[in-house]
Amino acid sequence: MKKEDCIFCKIANGEIPSSTIYEDEDFRVILDLNPASKGHALILPKEHLKDVCELNADIAAKILPLAAKIGTAMKKALGCAGFNLVQNNGEAAGQTVFHFHLHIIPRYEGGPSIVSWTPGSESPGKLETTAAGIRAAL
């Protein structure tokens, strides 16, 4: 099902032109208009799903194998040394288009890294308290 005002629905369903690198009945994979590196792509489900919390099991089961297939092709075609899979959920996490999408970002030797955070530390007691809270929410 498509959402009428969603730009990614329109792209995924071919209503807006894109540089498509792969398409099947469930997904369209396009090059990002504002790439983090050469070859940066987005996997867009054709069904409107706001974020990872709305993914159904069928789409969820298909997306990682598809990402691996695209990433492998990028390594062959672009000569990248690796790739990042990035998926943001919610505005606070950097999601700007509220249609689930998975970024595949090729990484080249000597290029910048996008994976960056300062590791913190936590006591075992606080870790267990946090874990217990999350377990209770499941």
N, C-alpha and C. Protein backbone atom coordinates (compact mmCIF):
# COMPACT_ATOMS: atom_id res chain seq x y z
N MET A 1 0.84 -1.18 0.00
CA MET A 1 0.00 0.00 0.00
C MET A 1 0.89 1.24 0.00
N LYS A 2 0.51 2.21 -0.78
CA LYS A 2 1.27 3.43 -0.96
C LYS A 2 0.57 4.57 -0.22
N LYS A 3 1.37 5.48 0.32
CA LYS A 3 0.81 6.68 0.95
C LYS A 3 0.90 7.81 -0.08
N GLU A 4 -0.20 8.46 -0.35
CA GLU A 4 -0.30 9.42 -1.46
C GLU A 4 0.67 10.60 -1.39
N ASP A 5 0.99 11.08 -0.17
CA ASP A 5 1.84 12.27 -0.06
C ASP A 5 3.30 11.94 0.27
N CYS A 6 3.68 10.68 0.20
CA CYS A 6 5.04 10.26 0.57
C CYS A 6 5.95 10.26 -0.66
N ILE A 7 7.01 11.06 -0.62
CA ILE A 7 7.93 11.15 -1.75
C ILE A 7 8.62 9.82 -2.03
N PHE A 8 8.97 9.05 -0.98
CA PHE A 8 9.63 7.76 -1.21
C PHE A 8 8.65 6.74 -1.78
N CYS A 9 7.36 6.82 -1.45
CA CYS A 9 6.37 5.95 -2.11
C CYS A 9 6.33 6.25 -3.60
N LYS A 10 6.35 7.53 -3.93
CA LYS A 10 6.29 7.93 -5.34
C LYS A 10 7.55 7.48 -6.10
N ILE A 11 8.70 7.59 -5.48
CA ILE A 11 9.94 7.13 -6.11
C ILE A 11 9.93 5.60 -6.22
N ALA A 12 9.60 4.92 -5.13
CA ALA A 12 9.62 3.45 -5.10
C ALA A 12 8.67 2.85 -6.12
N ASN A 13 7.57 3.54 -6.37
CA ASN A 13 6.58 3.03 -7.31
C ASN A 13 6.71 3.61 -8.72
N GLY A 14 7.82 4.31 -8.99
CA GLY A 14 8.14 4.77 -10.33
C GLY A 14 7.42 6.02 -10.80
N GLU A 15 6.76 6.74 -9.90
CA GLU A 15 6.05 7.96 -10.30
C GLU A 15 7.01 9.15 -10.42
N ILE A 16 8.12 9.10 -9.71
CA ILE A 16 9.16 10.13 -9.78
C ILE A 16 10.42 9.44 -10.28
N PRO A 17 11.08 9.98 -11.31
CA PRO A 17 12.29 9.34 -11.84
C PRO A 17 13.41 9.27 -10.80
N SER A 18 14.21 8.22 -10.92
CA SER A 18 15.36 8.04 -10.03
C SER A 18 16.42 7.26 -10.78
N SER A 19 17.62 7.29 -10.25
CA SER A 19 18.69 6.46 -10.80
C SER A 19 18.57 5.10 -10.12
N THR A 20 17.75 4.25 -10.72
CA THR A 20 17.45 2.94 -10.15
C THR A 20 18.56 1.95 -10.48
N ILE A 21 19.01 1.21 -9.45
CA ILE A 21 20.01 0.17 -9.69
C ILE A 21 19.45 -1.24 -9.52
N TYR A 22 18.26 -1.34 -8.93
CA TYR A 22 17.64 -2.65 -8.75
C TYR A 22 16.15 -2.43 -8.48
N GLU A 23 15.33 -3.36 -8.97
CA GLU A 23 13.91 -3.31 -8.67
C GLU A 23 13.34 -4.71 -8.72
N ASP A 24 12.44 -5.02 -7.78
CA ASP A 24 11.65 -6.24 -7.81
C ASP A 24 10.25 -5.90 -7.34
N GLU A 25 9.44 -6.88 -7.02
CA GLU A 25 8.05 -6.61 -6.65
C GLU A 25 7.91 -5.89 -5.30
N ASP A 26 8.93 -5.97 -4.45
CA ASP A 26 8.86 -5.37 -3.12
C ASP A 26 9.68 -4.10 -2.93
N PHE A 27 10.76 -3.95 -3.70
CA PHE A 27 11.72 -2.87 -3.45
C PHE A 27 12.15 -2.18 -4.74
N ARG A 28 12.58 -0.94 -4.58
CA ARG A 28 13.35 -0.22 -5.60
C ARG A 28 14.60 0.26 -4.87
N VAL A 29 15.76 0.08 -5.48
CA VAL A 29 17.02 0.56 -4.92
C VAL A 29 17.51 1.67 -5.83
N ILE A 30 17.74 2.84 -5.24
CA ILE A 30 18.12 4.02 -6.02
C ILE A 30 19.41 4.62 -5.48
N LEU A 31 20.07 5.41 -6.31
CA LEU A 31 21.20 6.19 -5.83
C LEU A 31 20.68 7.41 -5.09
N ASP A 32 21.30 7.72 -3.97
CA ASP A 32 20.92 8.88 -3.15
C ASP A 32 21.30 10.16 -3.87
N LEU A 33 20.39 11.14 -3.88
CA LEU A 33 20.66 12.44 -4.54
C LEU A 33 21.72 13.25 -3.80
N ASN A 34 21.91 12.97 -2.51
CA ASN A 34 22.91 13.67 -1.69
C ASN A 34 23.84 12.63 -1.05
N PRO A 35 24.69 12.02 -1.88
CA PRO A 35 25.46 10.87 -1.40
C PRO A 35 26.54 11.21 -0.38
N ALA A 36 26.70 10.29 0.57
CA ALA A 36 27.80 10.38 1.53
C ALA A 36 29.11 9.94 0.88
N SER A 37 29.01 9.11 -0.16
CA SER A 37 30.16 8.68 -0.95
C SER A 37 29.64 8.21 -2.31
N LYS A 38 30.55 8.04 -3.25
CA LYS A 38 30.16 7.59 -4.59
C LYS A 38 29.45 6.24 -4.49
N GLY A 39 28.24 6.17 -5.06
CA GLY A 39 27.49 4.92 -5.07
C GLY A 39 26.48 4.76 -3.94
N HIS A 40 26.41 5.74 -3.03
CA HIS A 40 25.47 5.69 -1.90
C HIS A 40 24.06 5.41 -2.42
N ALA A 41 23.46 4.34 -1.93
CA ALA A 41 22.15 3.91 -2.41
C ALA A 41 21.15 3.79 -1.26
N LEU A 42 19.87 3.79 -1.63
CA LEU A 42 18.78 3.61 -0.68
C LEU A 42 17.93 2.44 -1.13
N ILE A 43 17.62 1.54 -0.23
CA ILE A 43 16.63 0.49 -0.49
C ILE A 43 15.29 1.02 0.00
N LEU A 44 14.33 1.13 -0.92
CA LEU A 44 13.00 1.65 -0.61
C LEU A 44 11.97 0.54 -0.79
N PRO A 45 11.27 0.15 0.27
CA PRO A 45 10.14 -0.77 0.07
C PRO A 45 9.05 -0.04 -0.73
N LYS A 46 8.35 -0.76 -1.58
CA LYS A 46 7.26 -0.17 -2.34
C LYS A 46 6.04 0.08 -1.46
N GLU A 47 5.93 -0.69 -0.40
CA GLU A 47 4.85 -0.48 0.58
C GLU A 47 5.27 0.62 1.55
N HIS A 48 4.34 1.49 1.91
CA HIS A 48 4.66 2.55 2.87
C HIS A 48 4.73 1.97 4.27
N LEU A 49 5.91 2.05 4.86
CA LEU A 49 6.17 1.63 6.23
C LEU A 49 6.96 2.77 6.86
N LYS A 50 6.47 3.33 7.94
CA LYS A 50 7.09 4.53 8.52
C LYS A 50 8.53 4.30 8.97
N ASP A 51 8.78 3.22 9.66
CA ASP A 51 10.12 2.95 10.18
C ASP A 51 10.27 1.46 10.44
N VAL A 52 11.38 1.06 11.03
CA VAL A 52 11.66 -0.36 11.24
C VAL A 52 10.60 -1.02 12.13
N CYS A 53 9.97 -0.27 13.00
CA CYS A 53 8.95 -0.82 13.89
C CYS A 53 7.69 -1.23 13.13
N GLU A 54 7.50 -0.73 11.92
CA GLU A 54 6.33 -1.09 11.12
C GLU A 54 6.62 -2.18 10.08
N LEU A 55 7.87 -2.64 9.99
CA LEU A 55 8.20 -3.67 9.00
C LEU A 55 7.45 -4.95 9.29
N ASN A 56 6.90 -5.57 8.25
CA ASN A 56 6.33 -6.90 8.44
C ASN A 56 7.44 -7.93 8.26
N ALA A 57 7.20 -9.14 8.71
CA ALA A 57 8.23 -10.18 8.71
C ALA A 57 8.73 -10.49 7.30
N ASP A 58 7.85 -10.45 6.31
CA ASP A 58 8.24 -10.76 4.94
C ASP A 58 9.24 -9.75 4.39
N ILE A 59 8.95 -8.47 4.56
CA ILE A 59 9.85 -7.41 4.08
C ILE A 59 11.15 -7.44 4.89
N ALA A 60 11.04 -7.60 6.19
CA ALA A 60 12.23 -7.64 7.04
C ALA A 60 13.16 -8.78 6.65
N ALA A 61 12.60 -9.93 6.31
CA ALA A 61 13.42 -11.09 5.93
C ALA A 61 14.13 -10.89 4.60
N LYS A 62 13.59 -10.04 3.75
CA LYS A 62 14.17 -9.83 2.42
C LYS A 62 15.20 -8.71 2.36
N ILE A 63 15.15 -7.77 3.30
CA ILE A 63 15.95 -6.56 3.13
C ILE A 63 17.45 -6.76 3.36
N LEU A 64 17.84 -7.55 4.36
CA LEU A 64 19.28 -7.74 4.58
C LEU A 64 19.94 -8.55 3.46
N PRO A 65 19.32 -9.64 2.98
CA PRO A 65 19.94 -10.30 1.81
C PRO A 65 20.05 -9.38 0.60
N LEU A 66 19.05 -8.52 0.40
CA LEU A 66 19.14 -7.56 -0.71
C LEU A 66 20.28 -6.57 -0.49
N ALA A 67 20.43 -6.08 0.73
CA ALA A 67 21.53 -5.16 1.04
C ALA A 67 22.88 -5.82 0.79
N ALA A 68 23.01 -7.09 1.15
CA ALA A 68 24.27 -7.81 0.90
C ALA A 68 24.52 -7.95 -0.60
N LYS A 69 23.48 -8.23 -1.35
CA LYS A 69 23.61 -8.36 -2.81
C LYS A 69 24.06 -7.04 -3.44
N ILE A 70 23.44 -5.93 -3.01
CA ILE A 70 23.81 -4.62 -3.54
C ILE A 70 25.22 -4.25 -3.10
N GLY A 71 25.54 -4.48 -1.83
CA GLY A 71 26.88 -4.17 -1.33
C GLY A 71 27.96 -4.95 -2.06
N THR A 72 27.71 -6.22 -2.33
CA THR A 72 28.66 -7.04 -3.09
C THR A 72 28.86 -6.48 -4.49
N ALA A 73 27.76 -6.07 -5.13
CA ALA A 73 27.86 -5.47 -6.47
C ALA A 73 28.64 -4.16 -6.43
N MET A 74 28.46 -3.38 -5.36
CA MET A 74 29.21 -2.12 -5.23
C MET A 74 30.70 -2.38 -5.13
N LYS A 75 31.08 -3.41 -4.36
CA LYS A 75 32.50 -3.74 -4.22
C LYS A 75 33.11 -4.10 -5.58
N LYS A 76 32.35 -4.85 -6.38
CA LYS A 76 32.84 -5.24 -7.71
C LYS A 76 32.86 -4.05 -8.67
N ALA A 77 31.76 -3.30 -8.72
CA ALA A 77 31.62 -2.24 -9.71
C ALA A 77 32.39 -0.97 -9.36
N LEU A 78 32.45 -0.63 -8.07
CA LEU A 78 33.04 0.64 -7.65
C LEU A 78 34.42 0.50 -7.03
N GLY A 79 34.80 -0.72 -6.69
CA GLY A 79 36.10 -0.93 -6.06
C GLY A 79 36.16 -0.46 -4.61
N CYS A 80 35.01 -0.32 -3.98
CA CYS A 80 35.03 0.10 -2.57
C CYS A 80 35.53 -1.05 -1.71
N ALA A 81 36.10 -0.70 -0.58
CA ALA A 81 36.68 -1.69 0.32
C ALA A 81 35.65 -2.30 1.26
N GLY A 82 34.52 -1.64 1.42
CA GLY A 82 33.46 -2.10 2.31
C GLY A 82 32.25 -1.20 2.15
N PHE A 83 31.28 -1.37 3.02
CA PHE A 83 30.09 -0.52 2.98
C PHE A 83 29.42 -0.52 4.34
N ASN A 84 28.73 0.58 4.62
CA ASN A 84 27.93 0.70 5.83
C ASN A 84 26.46 0.51 5.47
N LEU A 85 25.73 -0.14 6.35
CA LEU A 85 24.28 -0.19 6.28
C LEU A 85 23.78 0.72 7.39
N VAL A 86 22.99 1.73 7.04
CA VAL A 86 22.53 2.72 8.01
C VAL A 86 21.01 2.82 7.90
N GLN A 87 20.35 2.79 9.05
CA GLN A 87 18.90 2.88 9.06
C GLN A 87 18.50 3.69 10.29
N ASN A 88 17.88 4.85 10.06
CA ASN A 88 17.50 5.77 11.14
C ASN A 88 16.01 5.63 11.45
N ASN A 89 15.67 5.71 12.73
CA ASN A 89 14.28 5.58 13.17
C ASN A 89 13.93 6.71 14.10
N GLY A 90 13.08 7.62 13.62
CA GLY A 90 12.65 8.76 14.41
C GLY A 90 13.53 9.96 14.16
N GLU A 91 12.93 11.12 14.36
CA GLU A 91 13.63 12.39 14.12
C GLU A 91 14.89 12.51 14.96
N ALA A 92 14.83 12.09 16.22
CA ALA A 92 16.00 12.20 17.11
C ALA A 92 17.17 11.34 16.63
N ALA A 93 16.86 10.31 15.84
CA ALA A 93 17.89 9.42 15.30
C ALA A 93 18.35 9.84 13.90
N GLY A 94 17.82 10.95 13.40
CA GLY A 94 18.25 11.44 12.10
C GLY A 94 17.34 11.08 10.94
N GLN A 95 16.19 10.46 11.20
CA GLN A 95 15.26 10.14 10.12
C GLN A 95 14.60 11.42 9.63
N THR A 96 14.69 11.68 8.33
CA THR A 96 14.11 12.90 7.76
C THR A 96 12.94 12.60 6.82
N VAL A 97 12.90 11.39 6.25
CA VAL A 97 11.77 10.96 5.43
C VAL A 97 11.15 9.78 6.17
N PHE A 98 9.88 9.88 6.50
CA PHE A 98 9.25 8.89 7.34
C PHE A 98 8.60 7.78 6.51
N HIS A 99 9.46 7.16 5.72
CA HIS A 99 9.19 5.96 4.93
C HIS A 99 10.44 5.11 5.15
N PHE A 100 10.30 3.92 5.70
CA PHE A 100 11.46 3.08 5.99
C PHE A 100 12.38 3.03 4.77
N HIS A 101 13.66 3.20 5.01
CA HIS A 101 14.66 3.03 3.96
C HIS A 101 15.98 2.64 4.60
N LEU A 102 16.76 1.90 3.87
CA LEU A 102 18.07 1.44 4.33
C LEU A 102 19.13 2.01 3.41
N HIS A 103 20.08 2.75 4.00
CA HIS A 103 21.19 3.31 3.24
C HIS A 103 22.26 2.23 3.07
N ILE A 104 22.83 2.15 1.89
CA ILE A 104 24.02 1.33 1.63
C ILE A 104 25.08 2.33 1.17
N ILE A 105 26.09 2.52 2.01
CA ILE A 105 27.08 3.57 1.75
C ILE A 105 28.45 2.93 1.51
N PRO A 106 28.92 2.97 0.26
CA PRO A 106 30.23 2.41 -0.04
C PRO A 106 31.33 3.16 0.73
N ARG A 107 32.33 2.41 1.17
CA ARG A 107 33.46 3.00 1.89
C ARG A 107 34.75 2.64 1.15
N TYR A 108 35.58 3.66 0.99
CA TYR A 108 36.81 3.54 0.22
C TYR A 108 38.01 3.68 1.14
N GLU A 109 39.08 2.95 0.83
CA GLU A 109 40.31 3.04 1.62
C GLU A 109 40.75 4.49 1.75
N GLY A 110 41.04 4.93 2.95
CA GLY A 110 41.51 6.29 3.18
C GLY A 110 40.40 7.32 3.23
N GLY A 111 39.16 6.92 2.98
CA GLY A 111 38.04 7.85 3.01
C GLY A 111 37.54 8.08 4.43
N PRO A 112 36.64 9.03 4.60
CA PRO A 112 36.13 9.32 5.94
C PRO A 112 35.23 8.21 6.45
N SER A 113 35.15 8.10 7.75
CA SER A 113 34.26 7.13 8.40
C SER A 113 33.00 7.85 8.85
N ILE A 114 31.87 7.17 8.77
CA ILE A 114 30.65 7.76 9.32
C ILE A 114 30.32 7.17 10.68
N VAL A 115 31.03 6.13 11.06
CA VAL A 115 30.76 5.49 12.34
C VAL A 115 31.63 6.16 13.39
N SER A 116 31.00 6.97 14.21
CA SER A 116 31.78 7.72 15.19
C SER A 116 30.95 7.99 16.43
N TRP A 117 31.45 7.58 17.54
CA TRP A 117 30.88 7.97 18.83
C TRP A 117 31.95 7.77 19.87
N THR A 118 31.79 8.44 20.98
CA THR A 118 32.74 8.31 22.07
C THR A 118 32.22 7.25 23.03
N PRO A 119 32.91 6.12 23.12
CA PRO A 119 32.44 5.07 24.02
C PRO A 119 32.38 5.57 25.46
N GLY A 120 31.29 5.26 26.11
CA GLY A 120 31.13 5.62 27.52
C GLY A 120 31.42 4.41 28.38
N SER A 121 31.05 4.49 29.63
CA SER A 121 31.18 3.34 30.51
C SER A 121 29.99 3.33 31.46
N GLU A 122 29.66 2.17 31.93
CA GLU A 122 28.52 2.01 32.81
C GLU A 122 28.82 0.90 33.80
N SER A 123 28.35 1.05 35.01
CA SER A 123 28.57 0.01 36.02
C SER A 123 27.69 -1.20 35.70
N PRO A 124 28.13 -2.39 36.12
CA PRO A 124 27.31 -3.58 35.89
C PRO A 124 25.90 -3.43 36.49
N GLY A 125 25.77 -2.79 37.62
CA GLY A 125 24.46 -2.61 38.24
C GLY A 125 23.54 -1.75 37.38
N LYS A 126 24.07 -0.65 36.85
CA LYS A 126 23.25 0.21 36.00
C LYS A 126 22.91 -0.49 34.69
N LEU A 127 23.85 -1.28 34.15
CA LEU A 127 23.56 -2.04 32.93
C LEU A 127 22.41 -3.01 33.18
N GLU A 128 22.43 -3.69 34.32
CA GLU A 128 21.38 -4.67 34.63
C GLU A 128 20.04 -3.97 34.83
N THR A 129 20.03 -2.81 35.45
CA THR A 129 18.79 -2.04 35.64
C THR A 129 18.21 -1.65 34.28
N THR A 130 19.07 -1.17 33.39
CA THR A 130 18.62 -0.80 32.05
C THR A 130 18.11 -2.02 31.30
N ALA A 131 18.84 -3.14 31.37
CA ALA A 131 18.42 -4.37 30.70
C ALA A 131 17.07 -4.85 31.23
N ALA A 132 16.87 -4.76 32.55
CA ALA A 132 15.61 -5.20 33.14
C ALA A 132 14.44 -4.34 32.65
N GLY A 133 14.65 -3.05 32.51
CA GLY A 133 13.60 -2.17 32.01
C GLY A 133 13.22 -2.51 30.58
N ILE A 134 14.21 -2.78 29.75
CA ILE A 134 13.93 -3.12 28.35
C ILE A 134 13.24 -4.49 28.28
N ARG A 135 13.72 -5.46 29.05
CA ARG A 135 13.08 -6.78 29.06
C ARG A 135 11.61 -6.67 29.45
N ALA A 136 11.32 -5.82 30.45
CA ALA A 136 9.93 -5.66 30.91
C ALA A 136 9.05 -5.04 29.81
N ALA A 137 9.64 -4.23 28.95
CA ALA A 137 8.87 -3.59 27.88
C ALA A 137 8.60 -4.53 26.71
N LEU A 138 9.34 -5.65 26.66
CA LEU A 138 9.14 -6.61 25.58
C LEU A 138 7.84 -7.36 25.80
